[in-house]
Amino acid sequence: MKTEYSPIIEKPFTGKAEYLAWREAWRKHYALLSEQIREEKRERKNPDASLRACAQYHCWSLRQEATALLELRKKSKIEAQRQYLAAKAVTAASAA
């Protein structure tokens, strides 16, 4: 699912300010995706069997995307910590 936040979360971040902006965009994107999943779940109760099947597939594919986004968020936390420790090491080395 593409949103206005997609271009932001597709790019890597290189500093704290970029990470915070990336994280906020990720949250908004994930919230929109979650709402879309809820809509598809409601649509699965449609009396028309073909619409139910279509909604079931869309719900499944959106859940796959949500899982990928959660994995991306987990990796972003690790990368942010790595960047923080690298910057801290540079600061400590220059102070010594």
PDB file of N, CA and C in Angstrom:
ATOM      1  N   MET A   1       0.844  -1.167   0.000  1.00  0.00           N
ATOM      2  CA  MET A   1       0.000   0.000   0.000  1.00  0.00           C
ATOM      3  C   MET A   1       0.894   1.237   0.000  1.00  0.00           C
ATOM      4  N   LYS A   2       0.667   2.125  -0.902  1.00  0.00           N
ATOM      5  CA  LYS A   2       1.448   3.361  -0.990  1.00  0.00           C
ATOM      6  C   LYS A   2       0.686   4.492  -0.307  1.00  0.00           C
ATOM      7  N   THR A   3       1.401   5.264   0.493  1.00  0.00           N
ATOM      8  CA  THR A   3       0.844   6.450   1.129  1.00  0.00           C
ATOM      9  C   THR A   3       1.814   7.603   0.893  1.00  0.00           C
ATOM     10  N   GLU A   4       1.460   8.767   1.404  1.00  0.00           N
ATOM     11  CA  GLU A   4       2.382   9.900   1.263  1.00  0.00           C
ATOM     12  C   GLU A   4       3.635   9.712   2.103  1.00  0.00           C
ATOM     13  N   TYR A   5       3.608   8.732   3.009  1.00  0.00           N
ATOM     14  CA  TYR A   5       4.765   8.448   3.862  1.00  0.00           C
ATOM     15  C   TYR A   5       5.703   7.407   3.254  1.00  0.00           C
ATOM     16  N   SER A   6       5.258   6.727   2.234  1.00  0.00           N
ATOM     17  CA  SER A   6       6.062   5.669   1.622  1.00  0.00           C
ATOM     18  C   SER A   6       7.442   6.132   1.174  1.00  0.00           C
ATOM     19  N   PRO A   7       7.565   7.284   0.479  1.00  0.00           N
ATOM     20  CA  PRO A   7       8.909   7.703   0.063  1.00  0.00           C
ATOM     21  C   PRO A   7       9.864   7.945   1.237  1.00  0.00           C
ATOM     22  N   ILE A   8       9.320   8.367   2.364  1.00  0.00           N
ATOM     23  CA  ILE A   8      10.170   8.643   3.530  1.00  0.00           C
ATOM     24  C   ILE A   8      10.702   7.346   4.124  1.00  0.00           C
ATOM     25  N   ILE A   9       9.830   6.356   4.280  1.00  0.00           N
ATOM     26  CA  ILE A   9      10.282   5.125   4.926  1.00  0.00           C
ATOM     27  C   ILE A   9      11.072   4.217   3.994  1.00  0.00           C
ATOM     28  N   GLU A  10      11.052   4.512   2.707  1.00  0.00           N
ATOM     29  CA  GLU A  10      11.845   3.726   1.763  1.00  0.00           C
ATOM     30  C   GLU A  10      13.301   4.179   1.728  1.00  0.00           C
ATOM     31  N   LYS A  11      13.568   5.403   2.217  1.00  0.00           N
ATOM     32  CA  LYS A  11      14.936   5.920   2.223  1.00  0.00           C
ATOM     33  C   LYS A  11      15.595   5.650   3.563  1.00  0.00           C
ATOM     34  N   PRO A  12      16.892   5.385   3.560  1.00  0.00           N
ATOM     35  CA  PRO A  12      17.596   5.199   4.835  1.00  0.00           C
ATOM     36  C   PRO A  12      17.810   6.541   5.530  1.00  0.00           C
ATOM     37  N   PHE A  13      18.029   6.508   6.815  1.00  0.00           N
ATOM     38  CA  PHE A  13      18.306   7.716   7.581  1.00  0.00           C
ATOM     39  C   PHE A  13      19.767   7.707   7.983  1.00  0.00           C
ATOM     40  N   THR A  14      20.325   8.903   8.219  1.00  0.00           N
ATOM     41  CA  THR A  14      21.744   8.989   8.550  1.00  0.00           C
ATOM     42  C   THR A  14      22.017   9.736   9.848  1.00  0.00           C
ATOM     43  N   GLY A  15      20.994  10.234  10.479  1.00  0.00           N
ATOM     44  CA  GLY A  15      21.205  10.952  11.734  1.00  0.00           C
ATOM     45  C   GLY A  15      19.967  10.903  12.601  1.00  0.00           C
ATOM     46  N   LYS A  16      20.089  11.472  13.786  1.00  0.00           N
ATOM     47  CA  LYS A  16      18.990  11.410  14.747  1.00  0.00           C
ATOM     48  C   LYS A  16      17.752  12.127  14.231  1.00  0.00           C
ATOM     49  N   ALA A  17      17.920  13.319  13.679  1.00  0.00           N
ATOM     50  CA  ALA A  17      16.761  14.077  13.187  1.00  0.00           C
ATOM     51  C   ALA A  17      16.054  13.315  12.060  1.00  0.00           C
ATOM     52  N   GLU A  18      16.838  12.745  11.151  1.00  0.00           N
ATOM     53  CA  GLU A  18      16.249  11.954  10.061  1.00  0.00           C
ATOM     54  C   GLU A  18      15.572  10.707  10.606  1.00  0.00           C
ATOM     55  N   TYR A  19      16.166  10.090  11.622  1.00  0.00           N
ATOM     56  CA  TYR A  19      15.571   8.898  12.227  1.00  0.00           C
ATOM     57  C   TYR A  19      14.233   9.227  12.872  1.00  0.00           C
ATOM     58  N   LEU A  20      14.180  10.334  13.587  1.00  0.00           N
ATOM     59  CA  LEU A  20      12.927  10.721  14.239  1.00  0.00           C
ATOM     60  C   LEU A  20      11.834  11.020  13.212  1.00  0.00           C
ATOM     61  N   ALA A  21      12.212  11.673  12.110  1.00  0.00           N
ATOM     62  CA  ALA A  21      11.239  11.932  11.033  1.00  0.00           C
ATOM     63  C   ALA A  21      10.813  10.617  10.383  1.00  0.00           C
ATOM     64  N   TRP A  22      11.781   9.734  10.174  1.00  0.00           N
ATOM     65  CA  TRP A  22      11.483   8.423   9.576  1.00  0.00           C
ATOM     66  C   TRP A  22      10.535   7.636  10.472  1.00  0.00           C
ATOM     67  N   ARG A  23      10.802   7.650  11.768  1.00  0.00           N
ATOM     68  CA  ARG A  23       9.983   6.908  12.721  1.00  0.00           C
ATOM     69  C   ARG A  23       8.552   7.436  12.756  1.00  0.00           C
ATOM     70  N   GLU A  24       8.398   8.746  12.718  1.00  0.00           N
ATOM     71  CA  GLU A  24       7.058   9.344  12.711  1.00  0.00           C
ATOM     72  C   GLU A  24       6.314   8.976  11.424  1.00  0.00           C
ATOM     73  N   ALA A  25       7.003   9.013  10.291  1.00  0.00           N
ATOM     74  CA  ALA A  25       6.384   8.612   9.018  1.00  0.00           C
ATOM     75  C   ALA A  25       6.002   7.141   9.049  1.00  0.00           C
ATOM     76  N   TRP A  26       6.867   6.320   9.642  1.00  0.00           N
ATOM     77  CA  TRP A  26       6.570   4.890   9.749  1.00  0.00           C
ATOM     78  C   TRP A  26       5.297   4.675  10.558  1.00  0.00           C
ATOM     79  N   ARG A  27       5.177   5.368  11.678  1.00  0.00           N
ATOM     80  CA  ARG A  27       3.997   5.224  12.535  1.00  0.00           C
ATOM     81  C   ARG A  27       2.715   5.608  11.801  1.00  0.00           C
ATOM     82  N   LYS A  28       2.763   6.710  11.088  1.00  0.00           N
ATOM     83  CA  LYS A  28       1.571   7.158  10.357  1.00  0.00           C
ATOM     84  C   LYS A  28       1.225   6.182   9.236  1.00  0.00           C
ATOM     85  N   HIS A  29       2.242   5.701   8.535  1.00  0.00           N
ATOM     86  CA  HIS A  29       2.031   4.729   7.463  1.00  0.00           C
ATOM     87  C   HIS A  29       1.429   3.442   8.028  1.00  0.00           C
ATOM     88  N   TYR A  30       1.956   2.977   9.144  1.00  0.00           N
ATOM     89  CA  TYR A  30       1.464   1.752   9.763  1.00  0.00           C
ATOM     90  C   TYR A  30       0.027   1.923  10.255  1.00  0.00           C
ATOM     91  N   ALA A  31      -0.295   3.097  10.776  1.00  0.00           N
ATOM     92  CA  ALA A  31      -1.665   3.365  11.230  1.00  0.00           C
ATOM     93  C   ALA A  31      -2.645   3.318  10.062  1.00  0.00           C
ATOM     94  N   LEU A  32      -2.255   3.889   8.931  1.00  0.00           N
ATOM     95  CA  LEU A  32      -3.112   3.837   7.741  1.00  0.00           C
ATOM     96  C   LEU A  32      -3.281   2.408   7.251  1.00  0.00           C
ATOM     97  N   LEU A  33      -2.216   1.655   7.276  1.00  0.00           N
ATOM     98  CA  LEU A  33      -2.269   0.254   6.865  1.00  0.00           C
ATOM     99  C   LEU A  33      -3.178  -0.540   7.801  1.00  0.00           C
ATOM    100  N   SER A  34      -3.075  -0.301   9.085  1.00  0.00           N
ATOM    101  CA  SER A  34      -3.924  -0.985  10.059  1.00  0.00           C
ATOM    102  C   SER A  34      -5.397  -0.673   9.816  1.00  0.00           C
ATOM    103  N   GLU A  35      -5.689   0.574   9.524  1.00  0.00           N
ATOM    104  CA  GLU A  35      -7.076   0.949   9.239  1.00  0.00           C
ATOM    105  C   GLU A  35      -7.580   0.251   7.975  1.00  0.00           C
ATOM    106  N   GLN A  36      -6.728   0.150   6.978  1.00  0.00           N
ATOM    107  CA  GLN A  36      -7.106  -0.545   5.743  1.00  0.00           C
ATOM    108  C   GLN A  36      -7.383  -2.022   6.018  1.00  0.00           C
ATOM    109  N   ILE A  37      -6.582  -2.633   6.869  1.00  0.00           N
ATOM    110  CA  ILE A  37      -6.805  -4.034   7.242  1.00  0.00           C
ATOM    111  C   ILE A  37      -8.157  -4.182   7.943  1.00  0.00           C
ATOM    112  N   ARG A  38      -8.466  -3.251   8.838  1.00  0.00           N
ATOM    113  CA  ARG A  38      -9.762  -3.303   9.526  1.00  0.00           C
ATOM    114  C   ARG A  38     -10.921  -3.194   8.539  1.00  0.00           C
ATOM    115  N   GLU A  39     -10.777  -2.327   7.544  1.00  0.00           N
ATOM    116  CA  GLU A  39     -11.829  -2.185   6.524  1.00  0.00           C
ATOM    117  C   GLU A  39     -12.010  -3.489   5.744  1.00  0.00           C
ATOM    118  N   GLU A  40     -10.906  -4.112   5.383  1.00  0.00           N
ATOM    119  CA  GLU A  40     -10.989  -5.374   4.640  1.00  0.00           C
ATOM    120  C   GLU A  40     -11.605  -6.478   5.506  1.00  0.00           C
ATOM    121  N   LYS A  41     -11.315  -6.467   6.793  1.00  0.00           N
ATOM    122  CA  LYS A  41     -11.918  -7.454   7.686  1.00  0.00           C
ATOM    123  C   LYS A  41     -13.434  -7.272   7.759  1.00  0.00           C
ATOM    124  N   ARG A  42     -13.886  -6.018   7.791  1.00  0.00           N
ATOM    125  CA  ARG A  42     -15.329  -5.761   7.778  1.00  0.00           C
ATOM    126  C   ARG A  42     -15.951  -6.216   6.460  1.00  0.00           C
ATOM    127  N   GLU A  43     -15.217  -6.025   5.384  1.00  0.00           N
ATOM    128  CA  GLU A  43     -15.717  -6.394   4.052  1.00  0.00           C
ATOM    129  C   GLU A  43     -15.826  -7.913   3.904  1.00  0.00           C
ATOM    130  N   ARG A  44     -15.090  -8.665   4.697  1.00  0.00           N
ATOM    131  CA  ARG A  44     -15.170 -10.132   4.624  1.00  0.00           C
ATOM    132  C   ARG A  44     -16.528 -10.654   5.073  1.00  0.00           C
ATOM    133  N   LYS A  45     -17.332  -9.808   5.678  1.00  0.00           N
ATOM    134  CA  LYS A  45     -18.672 -10.202   6.118  1.00  0.00           C
ATOM    135  C   LYS A  45     -19.738  -9.875   5.078  1.00  0.00           C
ATOM    136  N   ASN A  46     -19.330  -9.436   3.911  1.00  0.00           N
ATOM    137  CA  ASN A  46     -20.249  -9.100   2.831  1.00  0.00           C
ATOM    138  C   ASN A  46     -21.013 -10.349   2.388  1.00  0.00           C
ATOM    139  N   PRO A  47     -22.310 -10.199   2.094  1.00  0.00           N
ATOM    140  CA  PRO A  47     -23.090 -11.368   1.659  1.00  0.00           C
ATOM    141  C   PRO A  47     -22.643 -11.944   0.305  1.00  0.00           C
ATOM    142  N   ASP A  48     -22.026 -11.123  -0.521  1.00  0.00           N
ATOM    143  CA  ASP A  48     -21.574 -11.579  -1.837  1.00  0.00           C
ATOM    144  C   ASP A  48     -20.276 -12.383  -1.682  1.00  0.00           C
ATOM    145  N   ALA A  49     -20.298 -13.633  -2.105  1.00  0.00           N
ATOM    146  CA  ALA A  49     -19.145 -14.531  -1.925  1.00  0.00           C
ATOM    147  C   ALA A  49     -17.909 -14.044  -2.672  1.00  0.00           C
ATOM    148  N   SER A  50     -18.083 -13.488  -3.863  1.00  0.00           N
ATOM    149  CA  SER A  50     -16.914 -13.029  -4.630  1.00  0.00           C
ATOM    150  C   SER A  50     -16.261 -11.830  -3.945  1.00  0.00           C
ATOM    151  N   LEU A  51     -17.064 -10.950  -3.361  1.00  0.00           N
ATOM    152  CA  LEU A  51     -16.495  -9.814  -2.632  1.00  0.00           C
ATOM    153  C   LEU A  51     -15.805 -10.270  -1.351  1.00  0.00           C
ATOM    154  N   ARG A  52     -16.357 -11.279  -0.699  1.00  0.00           N
ATOM    155  CA  ARG A  52     -15.719 -11.832   0.502  1.00  0.00           C
ATOM    156  C   ARG A  52     -14.354 -12.413   0.170  1.00  0.00           C
ATOM    157  N   ALA A  53     -14.294 -13.160  -0.933  1.00  0.00           N
ATOM    158  CA  ALA A  53     -13.023 -13.770  -1.335  1.00  0.00           C
ATOM    159  C   ALA A  53     -11.986 -12.700  -1.675  1.00  0.00           C
ATOM    160  N   CYS A  54     -12.417 -11.675  -2.361  1.00  0.00           N
ATOM    161  CA  CYS A  54     -11.512 -10.580  -2.731  1.00  0.00           C
ATOM    162  C   CYS A  54     -11.013  -9.872  -1.461  1.00  0.00           C
ATOM    163  N   ALA A  55     -11.921  -9.619  -0.534  1.00  0.00           N
ATOM    164  CA  ALA A  55     -11.545  -8.960   0.720  1.00  0.00           C
ATOM    165  C   ALA A  55     -10.587  -9.841   1.517  1.00  0.00           C
ATOM    166  N   GLN A  56     -10.820 -11.136   1.491  1.00  0.00           N
ATOM    167  CA  GLN A  56      -9.941 -12.066   2.213  1.00  0.00           C
ATOM    168  C   GLN A  56      -8.513 -11.979   1.667  1.00  0.00           C
ATOM    169  N   TYR A  57      -8.384 -11.956   0.342  1.00  0.00           N
ATOM    170  CA  TYR A  57      -7.058 -11.866  -0.273  1.00  0.00           C
ATOM    171  C   TYR A  57      -6.405 -10.524   0.067  1.00  0.00           C
ATOM    172  N   HIS A  58      -7.159  -9.428  -0.059  1.00  0.00           N
ATOM    173  CA  HIS A  58      -6.594  -8.110   0.248  1.00  0.00           C
ATOM    174  C   HIS A  58      -6.153  -8.039   1.707  1.00  0.00           C
ATOM    175  N   CYS A  59      -6.964  -8.589   2.593  1.00  0.00           N
ATOM    176  CA  CYS A  59      -6.619  -8.602   4.012  1.00  0.00           C
ATOM    177  C   CYS A  59      -5.314  -9.376   4.228  1.00  0.00           C
ATOM    178  N   TRP A  60      -5.200 -10.520   3.585  1.00  0.00           N
ATOM    179  CA  TRP A  60      -3.985 -11.331   3.710  1.00  0.00           C
ATOM    180  C   TRP A  60      -2.768 -10.562   3.199  1.00  0.00           C
ATOM    181  N   SER A  61      -2.874  -9.936   2.022  1.00  0.00           N
ATOM    182  CA  SER A  61      -1.720  -9.228   1.458  1.00  0.00           C
ATOM    183  C   SER A  61      -1.346  -8.014   2.302  1.00  0.00           C
ATOM    184  N   LEU A  62      -2.342  -7.327   2.851  1.00  0.00           N
ATOM    185  CA  LEU A  62      -2.047  -6.185   3.719  1.00  0.00           C
ATOM    186  C   LEU A  62      -1.386  -6.642   5.022  1.00  0.00           C
ATOM    187  N   ARG A  63      -1.784  -7.794   5.514  1.00  0.00           N
ATOM    188  CA  ARG A  63      -1.141  -8.322   6.714  1.00  0.00           C
ATOM    189  C   ARG A  63       0.313  -8.693   6.439  1.00  0.00           C
ATOM    190  N   GLN A  64       0.579  -9.199   5.259  1.00  0.00           N
ATOM    191  CA  GLN A  64       1.969  -9.504   4.890  1.00  0.00           C
ATOM    192  C   GLN A  64       2.795  -8.219   4.876  1.00  0.00           C
ATOM    193  N   GLU A  65       2.218  -7.165   4.334  1.00  0.00           N
ATOM    194  CA  GLU A  65       2.909  -5.883   4.294  1.00  0.00           C
ATOM    195  C   GLU A  65       3.128  -5.344   5.716  1.00  0.00           C
ATOM    196  N   ALA A  66       2.140  -5.499   6.583  1.00  0.00           N
ATOM    197  CA  ALA A  66       2.268  -5.045   7.964  1.00  0.00           C
ATOM    198  C   ALA A  66       3.389  -5.798   8.672  1.00  0.00           C
ATOM    199  N   THR A  67       3.486  -7.091   8.427  1.00  0.00           N
ATOM    200  CA  THR A  67       4.558  -7.890   9.019  1.00  0.00           C
ATOM    201  C   THR A  67       5.920  -7.397   8.538  1.00  0.00           C
ATOM    202  N   ALA A  68       6.018  -7.092   7.253  1.00  0.00           N
ATOM    203  CA  ALA A  68       7.272  -6.566   6.705  1.00  0.00           C
ATOM    204  C   ALA A  68       7.610  -5.211   7.322  1.00  0.00           C
ATOM    205  N   LEU A  69       6.592  -4.386   7.548  1.00  0.00           N
ATOM    206  CA  LEU A  69       6.833  -3.087   8.172  1.00  0.00           C
ATOM    207  C   LEU A  69       7.325  -3.238   9.610  1.00  0.00           C
ATOM    208  N   LEU A  70       6.775  -4.195  10.333  1.00  0.00           N
ATOM    209  CA  LEU A  70       7.244  -4.437  11.695  1.00  0.00           C
ATOM    210  C   LEU A  70       8.700  -4.896  11.704  1.00  0.00           C
ATOM    211  N   GLU A  71       9.062  -5.719  10.748  1.00  0.00           N
ATOM    212  CA  GLU A  71      10.458  -6.165  10.629  1.00  0.00           C
ATOM    213  C   GLU A  71      11.370  -4.981  10.280  1.00  0.00           C
ATOM    214  N   LEU A  72      10.901  -4.104   9.403  1.00  0.00           N
ATOM    215  CA  LEU A  72      11.664  -2.911   9.039  1.00  0.00           C
ATOM    216  C   LEU A  72      11.868  -2.018  10.256  1.00  0.00           C
ATOM    217  N   ARG A  73      10.846  -1.884  11.081  1.00  0.00           N
ATOM    218  CA  ARG A  73      10.943  -1.070  12.293  1.00  0.00           C
ATOM    219  C   ARG A  73      11.960  -1.659  13.262  1.00  0.00           C
ATOM    220  N   LYS A  74      11.956  -2.980  13.384  1.00  0.00           N
ATOM    221  CA  LYS A  74      12.917  -3.644  14.256  1.00  0.00           C
ATOM    222  C   LYS A  74      14.344  -3.369  13.769  1.00  0.00           C
ATOM    223  N   LYS A  75      14.558  -3.455  12.472  1.00  0.00           N
ATOM    224  CA  LYS A  75      15.889  -3.188  11.911  1.00  0.00           C
ATOM    225  C   LYS A  75      16.271  -1.721  12.076  1.00  0.00           C
ATOM    226  N   SER A  76      15.288  -0.829  11.974  1.00  0.00           N
ATOM    227  CA  SER A  76      15.582   0.604  12.112  1.00  0.00           C
ATOM    228  C   SER A  76      16.071   0.929  13.520  1.00  0.00           C
ATOM    229  N   LYS A  77      15.510   0.259  14.514  1.00  0.00           N
ATOM    230  CA  LYS A  77      15.956   0.480  15.893  1.00  0.00           C
ATOM    231  C   LYS A  77      17.412   0.064  16.061  1.00  0.00           C
ATOM    232  N   ILE A  78      17.769  -1.055  15.461  1.00  0.00           N
ATOM    233  CA  ILE A  78      19.154  -1.541  15.541  1.00  0.00           C
ATOM    234  C   ILE A  78      20.089  -0.572  14.830  1.00  0.00           C
ATOM    235  N   GLU A  79      19.680  -0.104  13.659  1.00  0.00           N
ATOM    236  CA  GLU A  79      20.511   0.839  12.895  1.00  0.00           C
ATOM    237  C   GLU A  79      20.663   2.165  13.636  1.00  0.00           C
ATOM    238  N   ALA A  80      19.593   2.658  14.225  1.00  0.00           N
ATOM    239  CA  ALA A  80      19.667   3.912  14.980  1.00  0.00           C
ATOM    240  C   ALA A  80      20.630   3.774  16.156  1.00  0.00           C
ATOM    241  N   GLN A  81      20.575   2.648  16.831  1.00  0.00           N
ATOM    242  CA  GLN A  81      21.491   2.403  17.949  1.00  0.00           C
ATOM    243  C   GLN A  81      22.930   2.319  17.453  1.00  0.00           C
ATOM    244  N   ARG A  82      23.155   1.666  16.324  1.00  0.00           N
ATOM    245  CA  ARG A  82      24.498   1.568  15.759  1.00  0.00           C
ATOM    246  C   ARG A  82      25.038   2.953  15.426  1.00  0.00           C
ATOM    247  N   GLN A  83      24.199   3.789  14.802  1.00  0.00           N
ATOM    248  CA  GLN A  83      24.628   5.146  14.452  1.00  0.00           C
ATOM    249  C   GLN A  83      24.918   5.975  15.699  1.00  0.00           C
ATOM    250  N   TYR A  84      24.097   5.805  16.716  1.00  0.00           N
ATOM    251  CA  TYR A  84      24.300   6.535  17.969  1.00  0.00           C
ATOM    252  C   TYR A  84      25.639   6.160  18.601  1.00  0.00           C
ATOM    253  N   LEU A  85      25.914   4.857  18.680  1.00  0.00           N
ATOM    254  CA  LEU A  85      27.163   4.407  19.289  1.00  0.00           C
ATOM    255  C   LEU A  85      28.373   4.841  18.455  1.00  0.00           C
ATOM    256  N   ALA A  86      28.247   4.839  17.136  1.00  0.00           N
ATOM    257  CA  ALA A  86      29.343   5.284  16.277  1.00  0.00           C
ATOM    258  C   ALA A  86      29.619   6.774  16.493  1.00  0.00           C
ATOM    259  N   ALA A  87      28.568   7.575  16.580  1.00  0.00           N
ATOM    260  CA  ALA A  87      28.743   9.013  16.813  1.00  0.00           C
ATOM    261  C   ALA A  87      29.335   9.266  18.192  1.00  0.00           C
ATOM    262  N   LYS A  88      28.913   8.484  19.170  1.00  0.00           N
ATOM    263  CA  LYS A  88      29.428   8.619  20.527  1.00  0.00           C
ATOM    264  C   LYS A  88      30.916   8.262  20.577  1.00  0.00           C
ATOM    265  N   ALA A  89      31.304   7.230  19.838  1.00  0.00           N
ATOM    266  CA  ALA A  89      32.720   6.826  19.783  1.00  0.00           C
ATOM    267  C   ALA A  89      33.571   7.912  19.136  1.00  0.00           C
ATOM    268  N   VAL A  90      33.061   8.528  18.088  1.00  0.00           N
ATOM    269  CA  VAL A  90      33.796   9.603  17.414  1.00  0.00           C
ATOM    270  C   VAL A  90      33.964  10.798  18.362  1.00  0.00           C
ATOM    271  N   THR A  91      32.914  11.137  19.081  1.00  0.00           N
ATOM    272  CA  THR A  91      32.977  12.239  20.035  1.00  0.00           C
ATOM    273  C   THR A  91      33.976  11.935  21.144  1.00  0.00           C
ATOM    274  N   ALA A  92      33.958  10.715  21.654  1.00  0.00           N
ATOM    275  CA  ALA A  92      34.895  10.327  22.710  1.00  0.00           C
ATOM    276  C   ALA A  92      36.330  10.340  22.206  1.00  0.00           C
ATOM    277  N   ALA A  93      36.538   9.881  20.970  1.00  0.00           N
ATOM    278  CA  ALA A  93      37.888   9.852  20.406  1.00  0.00           C
ATOM    279  C   ALA A  93      38.410  11.269  20.169  1.00  0.00           C
ATOM    280  N   SER A  94      37.559  12.180  19.749  1.00  0.00           N
ATOM    281  CA  SER A  94      38.004  13.550  19.501  1.00  0.00           C
ATOM    282  C   SER A  94      38.233  14.301  20.798  1.00  0.00           C
ATOM    283  N   ALA A  95      37.556  13.922  21.865  1.00  0.00           N
ATOM    284  CA  ALA A  95      37.742  14.569  23.160  1.00  0.00           C
ATOM    285  C   ALA A  95      39.031  14.103  23.840  1.00  0.00           C
ATOM    286  N   ALA A  96      39.479  12.922  23.493  1.00  0.00           N
ATOM    287  CA  ALA A  96      40.673  12.367  24.140  1.00  0.00           C
ATOM    288  C   ALA A  96      41.943  12.841  23.548  1.00  0.00           C
TER     289      ALA A  96
END
